[in-house]
Amino acid sequence: MIKIIWMSDPHFQNEGTIDGLDPRARLAAAIDHANTHHADADFAVLSGDLVGDDIEGDYTALAEYLANSKLRIYPMVGNNDDRKGFRSQLSLPRTSMSDFVQYSLDTADGTIICLDTHKVGSHAGQFCEVRRAWLDELLRKTSDKPAYIFMHHPPLALGLPKQDEIMLEDGDLFLDLVSQHPNVKHLFMGHVHRPTCGSVRGIPFATIGALSFQAPAPRPAWTWDNFKPAKEAPQYAVAEIANGNLTLQYTQFCEFEFGMES
């Protein structure tokens, strides 16, 4: 069995708050909770939107916080990230592409694949021909083992109107590719700051709430101009994979009020 702690969207800032929320306190709380209750996990995946606007300062401080984890944390890029700043402070596996922050992890229970869906200058995602070719070749080489894919941007609309505006732009091309590989067993997606689940092209998927702030439900309707974080607690997830089976449990690691200005 392999046990993975899945975290996403810390939106880490080395100073200041997000709508009164302290992202440093929440990241520290998540790491402390995982250290205390899931030290037996094999590793953790942090699926994008790692930092805020201070690229150098945020990545430098983020690396210090991640070093407090008893688990190896595999970081990924999201729309808020910067590949150069990311690489300057965070280490990647030897399987990582040279131009993109995507890589694979070989385990006894399957291949864990972490993709780069970042599109420079956009909140939407991109999965270009070069990245698709890399994934296609990897899935062919590992066709005898289950594959589990982590990515930041969802490749399909989720019924979350505002988030669906900034999904993976070439999602159909991505889905055309992965649906040709029967070894792809599950998609794990960040970005939307809400837990959802379902299946697409016969492949199960899940999204996750953020370590930082949560997006409101789609009803009542909201816009980016009047966006206010939902009064919901942050979460991470615990994935266990064994004999081709997967379970996913969402874990609340602190109260909604934790890390909020009084």
Foldseek 3Di string as FASTA:
>chain_A
DAKEWEAEALQADPDDADQQFHSLQLLLLVQVLCVVPPLVHAAYEYAENQHADPLQVRLQVSLVSCVPHSGHYAYAYAQRHDVVSNPVRDDHDPQADPVHGKGWDDDPQFIETEGHQYDPPANAGEQDPVNLVVVLVVLVVRLVHAYEYEHAFALDDDPQVASSVRGYPPSVVVCVRVLVRPSHAEYEYEHQQDWDWDDDNRHTYIYAHHSTFHWDGPPVPDYPVPTDTDLAAHWIWMWDGDPRDIDIDIDRSDHSCPRGDD
